[in-house]
Amino acid sequence: MTKLISAGAVCAVAVGLVAVPSALGVKSTKQVATSVTVSVTPTTATTGSAVKASGNVSSNSSCQKSRTVELAWVDTATSVATPAGTATTKGGSGKYDADLTAPSAAGTYTLQATVTGPVTRKVGSKKKGQKTKKGRQFSCLASSAVNSSPVTVTTPV
């Protein structure tokens, strides 16, 4: 009989240990991958002229809002990257655009886009009267670099 009682006590403790973490409501931070696209218009420009970069950040909806996209010109002949500027996504759509200046040297270039990160976002229940937002946490990761199609830069005539 004592063996039965001690076995029941061990089972009760084991069940209690399994139930406790879920009772606390502790949720782990979810890692969210991010990708980016980029395009440049016009595809032929003169040195120092204005061009427009645009694209989209793809991720879950909470990770698209207010993300910073770093842009750099990459010389296709030498693979040297020169910073061109930054852009920020608008709203929750993940779309961005930026007015940039074409490189100062003639040649063929691509525009490289990278989303910075990681950024932690909290989403979920925000009950009236609570000071902190409790809910799911997302770690919005940085993206790998993506290049646009080639852009030909010529000297003005």
C-alpha atoms as a PDB file:
ATOM      1  CA  MET A   1       0.000   0.000   0.000  1.00  0.00           C
ATOM      2  CA  THR A   2       2.845   2.396   0.775  1.00  0.00           C
ATOM      3  CA  LYS A   3       4.343   1.687  -2.639  1.00  0.00           C
ATOM      4  CA  LEU A   4       1.034   2.645  -4.254  1.00  0.00           C
ATOM      5  CA  ILE A   5       0.834   5.881  -2.266  1.00  0.00           C
ATOM      6  CA  SER A   6       4.453   6.839  -3.053  1.00  0.00           C
ATOM      7  CA  ALA A   7       3.929   6.027  -6.759  1.00  0.00           C
ATOM      8  CA  GLY A   8       0.820   8.247  -6.745  1.00  0.00           C
ATOM      9  CA  ALA A   9       2.800  11.067  -5.093  1.00  0.00           C
ATOM     10  CA  VAL A  10       5.574  10.825  -7.707  1.00  0.00           C
ATOM     11  CA  CYS A  11       3.012  10.946 -10.532  1.00  0.00           C
ATOM     12  CA  ALA A  12       1.290  13.968  -8.966  1.00  0.00           C
ATOM     13  CA  VAL A  13       4.597  15.846  -8.748  1.00  0.00           C
ATOM     14  CA  ALA A  14       5.447  14.947 -12.360  1.00  0.00           C
ATOM     15  CA  VAL A  15       2.066  16.156 -13.620  1.00  0.00           C
ATOM     16  CA  GLY A  16       2.458  19.352 -11.577  1.00  0.00           C
ATOM     17  CA  LEU A  17       5.852  20.089 -13.153  1.00  0.00           C
ATOM     18  CA  VAL A  18       4.437  19.660 -16.647  1.00  0.00           C
ATOM     19  CA  ALA A  19       1.437  21.898 -15.943  1.00  0.00           C
ATOM     20  CA  VAL A  20       3.329  24.754 -14.237  1.00  0.00           C
ATOM     21  CA  PRO A  21       5.111  26.302 -17.266  1.00  0.00           C
ATOM     22  CA  SER A  22       1.898  26.520 -19.282  1.00  0.00           C
ATOM     23  CA  ALA A  23       0.049  27.938 -16.291  1.00  0.00           C
ATOM     24  CA  LEU A  24       2.546  30.814 -16.090  1.00  0.00           C
ATOM     25  CA  GLY A  25       1.813  31.805 -19.672  1.00  0.00           C
ATOM     26  CA  VAL A  26       5.501  32.189 -20.555  1.00  0.00           C
ATOM     27  CA  LYS A  27       5.976  32.141 -24.311  1.00  0.00           C
ATOM     28  CA  SER A  28       9.292  31.949 -26.095  1.00  0.00           C
ATOM     29  CA  THR A  29      10.379  34.516 -28.670  1.00  0.00           C
ATOM     30  CA  LYS A  30       9.640  33.312 -32.187  1.00  0.00           C
ATOM     31  CA  GLN A  31      12.410  33.812 -34.779  1.00  0.00           C
ATOM     32  CA  VAL A  32      10.957  35.298 -37.983  1.00  0.00           C
ATOM     33  CA  ALA A  33      12.899  35.251 -41.259  1.00  0.00           C
ATOM     34  CA  THR A  34      12.820  38.304 -43.496  1.00  0.00           C
ATOM     35  CA  SER A  35      13.490  38.723 -47.213  1.00  0.00           C
ATOM     36  CA  VAL A  36      13.691  41.809 -49.405  1.00  0.00           C
ATOM     37  CA  THR A  37      13.320  42.761 -53.078  1.00  0.00           C
ATOM     38  CA  VAL A  38      14.764  45.815 -54.834  1.00  0.00           C
ATOM     39  CA  SER A  39      14.415  47.508 -58.217  1.00  0.00           C
ATOM     40  CA  VAL A  40      15.801  50.722 -59.702  1.00  0.00           C
ATOM     41  CA  THR A  41      14.235  53.112 -62.239  1.00  0.00           C
ATOM     42  CA  PRO A  42      15.518  54.152 -64.687  1.00  0.00           C
ATOM     43  CA  THR A  43      17.946  51.352 -65.588  1.00  0.00           C
ATOM     44  CA  THR A  44      20.145  53.773 -67.552  1.00  0.00           C
ATOM     45  CA  ALA A  45      21.285  56.943 -65.803  1.00  0.00           C
ATOM     46  CA  THR A  46      23.991  59.581 -66.036  1.00  0.00           C
ATOM     47  CA  THR A  47      26.561  60.072 -63.283  1.00  0.00           C
ATOM     48  CA  GLY A  48      25.100  61.970 -60.323  1.00  0.00           C
ATOM     49  CA  SER A  49      21.519  61.916 -61.646  1.00  0.00           C
ATOM     50  CA  ALA A  50      18.450  61.010 -59.586  1.00  0.00           C
ATOM     51  CA  VAL A  51      17.146  57.434 -59.560  1.00  0.00           C
ATOM     52  CA  LYS A  52      14.352  55.801 -57.592  1.00  0.00           C
ATOM     53  CA  ALA A  53      14.765  52.584 -55.614  1.00  0.00           C
ATOM     54  CA  SER A  54      11.728  50.600 -54.538  1.00  0.00           C
ATOM     55  CA  GLY A  55      10.929  47.175 -53.215  1.00  0.00           C
ATOM     56  CA  ASN A  56       9.186  45.062 -50.642  1.00  0.00           C
ATOM     57  CA  VAL A  57      10.085  43.445 -47.321  1.00  0.00           C
ATOM     58  CA  SER A  58       8.489  40.006 -46.992  1.00  0.00           C
ATOM     59  CA  SER A  59       7.833  38.560 -43.554  1.00  0.00           C
ATOM     60  CA  ASN A  60       4.903  38.050 -41.231  1.00  0.00           C
ATOM     61  CA  SER A  61       2.817  41.205 -40.840  1.00  0.00           C
ATOM     62  CA  SER A  62       4.262  42.333 -37.501  1.00  0.00           C
ATOM     63  CA  CYS A  63       7.803  42.204 -38.912  1.00  0.00           C
ATOM     64  CA  GLN A  64       7.091  44.345 -42.008  1.00  0.00           C
ATOM     65  CA  LYS A  65       6.229  47.541 -40.150  1.00  0.00           C
ATOM     66  CA  SER A  66       8.895  50.274 -39.861  1.00  0.00           C
ATOM     67  CA  ARG A  67      11.860  48.175 -41.020  1.00  0.00           C
ATOM     68  CA  THR A  68      15.067  49.870 -42.157  1.00  0.00           C
ATOM     69  CA  VAL A  69      16.461  48.858 -45.542  1.00  0.00           C
ATOM     70  CA  GLU A  70      20.124  49.700 -46.211  1.00  0.00           C
ATOM     71  CA  LEU A  71      20.958  50.395 -49.863  1.00  0.00           C
ATOM     72  CA  ALA A  72      24.394  50.296 -51.510  1.00  0.00           C
ATOM     73  CA  TRP A  73      25.711  50.592 -55.064  1.00  0.00           C
ATOM     74  CA  VAL A  74      27.824  47.582 -56.093  1.00  0.00           C
ATOM     75  CA  ASP A  75      30.230  47.963 -59.023  1.00  0.00           C
ATOM     76  CA  THR A  76      29.811  44.763 -61.071  1.00  0.00           C
ATOM     77  CA  ALA A  77      33.416  44.939 -62.348  1.00  0.00           C
ATOM     78  CA  THR A  78      35.116  45.200 -58.930  1.00  0.00           C
ATOM     79  CA  SER A  79      32.376  44.042 -56.501  1.00  0.00           C
ATOM     80  CA  VAL A  80      33.052  47.139 -54.375  1.00  0.00           C
ATOM     81  CA  ALA A  81      29.976  48.376 -52.475  1.00  0.00           C
ATOM     82  CA  THR A  82      29.380  52.065 -51.791  1.00  0.00           C
ATOM     83  CA  PRO A  83      26.586  53.116 -49.373  1.00  0.00           C
ATOM     84  CA  ALA A  84      23.714  54.803 -51.214  1.00  0.00           C
ATOM     85  CA  GLY A  85      21.238  55.499 -48.382  1.00  0.00           C
ATOM     86  CA  THR A  86      18.438  53.951 -46.353  1.00  0.00           C
ATOM     87  CA  ALA A  87      14.692  53.529 -46.686  1.00  0.00           C
ATOM     88  CA  THR A  88      11.966  52.665 -44.166  1.00  0.00           C
ATOM     89  CA  THR A  89       8.954  50.480 -44.884  1.00  0.00           C
ATOM     90  CA  LYS A  90       5.600  52.248 -44.885  1.00  0.00           C
ATOM     91  CA  GLY A  91       2.848  50.920 -42.654  1.00  0.00           C
ATOM     92  CA  GLY A  92       2.371  47.189 -42.408  1.00  0.00           C
ATOM     93  CA  SER A  93       2.595  46.521 -46.151  1.00  0.00           C
ATOM     94  CA  GLY A  94       6.380  46.172 -46.239  1.00  0.00           C
ATOM     95  CA  LYS A  95       6.738  48.483 -49.259  1.00  0.00           C
ATOM     96  CA  TYR A  96       9.524  51.052 -49.381  1.00  0.00           C
ATOM     97  CA  ASP A  97      11.002  53.573 -51.814  1.00  0.00           C
ATOM     98  CA  ALA A  98      13.924  55.983 -51.779  1.00  0.00           C
ATOM     99  CA  ASP A  99      15.285  58.736 -54.005  1.00  0.00           C
ATOM    100  CA  LEU A 100      18.986  58.084 -54.604  1.00  0.00           C
ATOM    101  CA  THR A 101      21.844  59.601 -56.577  1.00  0.00           C
ATOM    102  CA  ALA A 102      23.502  57.490 -59.273  1.00  0.00           C
ATOM    103  CA  PRO A 103      27.206  56.713 -58.712  1.00  0.00           C
ATOM    104  CA  SER A 104      29.734  59.391 -59.704  1.00  0.00           C
ATOM    105  CA  ALA A 105      31.771  57.061 -61.942  1.00  0.00           C
ATOM    106  CA  ALA A 106      30.512  55.555 -65.189  1.00  0.00           C
ATOM    107  CA  GLY A 107      30.032  51.785 -65.272  1.00  0.00           C
ATOM    108  CA  THR A 108      27.569  48.992 -64.603  1.00  0.00           C
ATOM    109  CA  TYR A 109      26.168  48.743 -61.098  1.00  0.00           C
ATOM    110  CA  THR A 110      23.561  46.856 -59.107  1.00  0.00           C
ATOM    111  CA  LEU A 111      21.730  48.230 -56.099  1.00  0.00           C
ATOM    112  CA  GLN A 112      22.087  45.984 -53.060  1.00  0.00           C
ATOM    113  CA  ALA A 113      19.348  45.968 -50.398  1.00  0.00           C
ATOM    114  CA  THR A 114      19.596  44.519 -46.889  1.00  0.00           C
ATOM    115  CA  VAL A 115      17.009  44.674 -44.077  1.00  0.00           C
ATOM    116  CA  THR A 116      18.636  45.456 -40.724  1.00  0.00           C
ATOM    117  CA  GLY A 117      17.870  43.427 -37.625  1.00  0.00           C
ATOM    118  CA  PRO A 118      17.105  41.751 -35.408  1.00  0.00           C
ATOM    119  CA  VAL A 119      14.166  43.790 -34.127  1.00  0.00           C
ATOM    120  CA  THR A 120      11.970  42.540 -31.278  1.00  0.00           C
ATOM    121  CA  ARG A 121       8.225  43.074 -31.628  1.00  0.00           C
ATOM    122  CA  LYS A 122       5.507  42.276 -29.086  1.00  0.00           C
ATOM    123  CA  VAL A 123       2.016  41.491 -30.293  1.00  0.00           C
ATOM    124  CA  GLY A 124      -1.044  40.162 -28.571  1.00  0.00           C
ATOM    125  CA  SER A 125      -3.353  41.113 -25.773  1.00  0.00           C
ATOM    126  CA  LYS A 126      -3.219  44.687 -24.600  1.00  0.00           C
ATOM    127  CA  LYS A 127      -5.879  44.859 -21.951  1.00  0.00           C
ATOM    128  CA  LYS A 128      -7.137  48.149 -20.654  1.00  0.00           C
ATOM    129  CA  GLY A 129      -5.315  49.210 -17.507  1.00  0.00           C
ATOM    130  CA  GLN A 130      -2.256  47.000 -17.976  1.00  0.00           C
ATOM    131  CA  LYS A 131       1.057  48.814 -18.167  1.00  0.00           C
ATOM    132  CA  THR A 132       2.875  46.179 -20.184  1.00  0.00           C
ATOM    133  CA  LYS A 133       1.854  44.443 -23.368  1.00  0.00           C
ATOM    134  CA  LYS A 134       1.694  40.706 -22.749  1.00  0.00           C
ATOM    135  CA  GLY A 135       1.510  38.417 -25.684  1.00  0.00           C
ATOM    136  CA  ARG A 136       3.686  36.791 -28.302  1.00  0.00           C
ATOM    137  CA  GLN A 137       7.196  38.143 -28.975  1.00  0.00           C
ATOM    138  CA  PHE A 138       8.780  38.039 -32.416  1.00  0.00           C
ATOM    139  CA  SER A 139      12.448  38.514 -33.208  1.00  0.00           C
ATOM    140  CA  CYS A 140      12.403  39.938 -36.731  1.00  0.00           C
ATOM    141  CA  LEU A 141      15.718  38.846 -38.232  1.00  0.00           C
ATOM    142  CA  ALA A 142      17.900  40.659 -40.753  1.00  0.00           C
ATOM    143  CA  SER A 143      17.697  39.631 -44.392  1.00  0.00           C
ATOM    144  CA  SER A 144      20.454  38.476 -46.662  1.00  0.00           C
ATOM    145  CA  ALA A 145      21.663  40.957 -49.282  1.00  0.00           C
ATOM    146  CA  VAL A 146      19.743  41.060 -52.568  1.00  0.00           C
ATOM    147  CA  ASN A 147      20.861  42.840 -55.764  1.00  0.00           C
ATOM    148  CA  SER A 148      18.749  44.616 -58.358  1.00  0.00           C
ATOM    149  CA  SER A 149      19.073  44.083 -62.084  1.00  0.00           C
ATOM    150  CA  PRO A 150      22.058  45.930 -63.638  1.00  0.00           C
ATOM    151  CA  VAL A 151      21.980  49.713 -63.929  1.00  0.00           C
ATOM    152  CA  THR A 152      24.145  51.355 -66.590  1.00  0.00           C
ATOM    153  CA  VAL A 153      25.673  54.669 -65.530  1.00  0.00           C
ATOM    154  CA  THR A 154      27.114  56.885 -68.288  1.00  0.00           C
ATOM    155  CA  THR A 155      28.858  60.238 -68.302  1.00  0.00           C
ATOM    156  CA  PRO A 156      26.787  63.219 -69.487  1.00  0.00           C
ATOM    157  CA  VAL A 157      27.378  64.272 -73.079  1.00  0.00           C
END
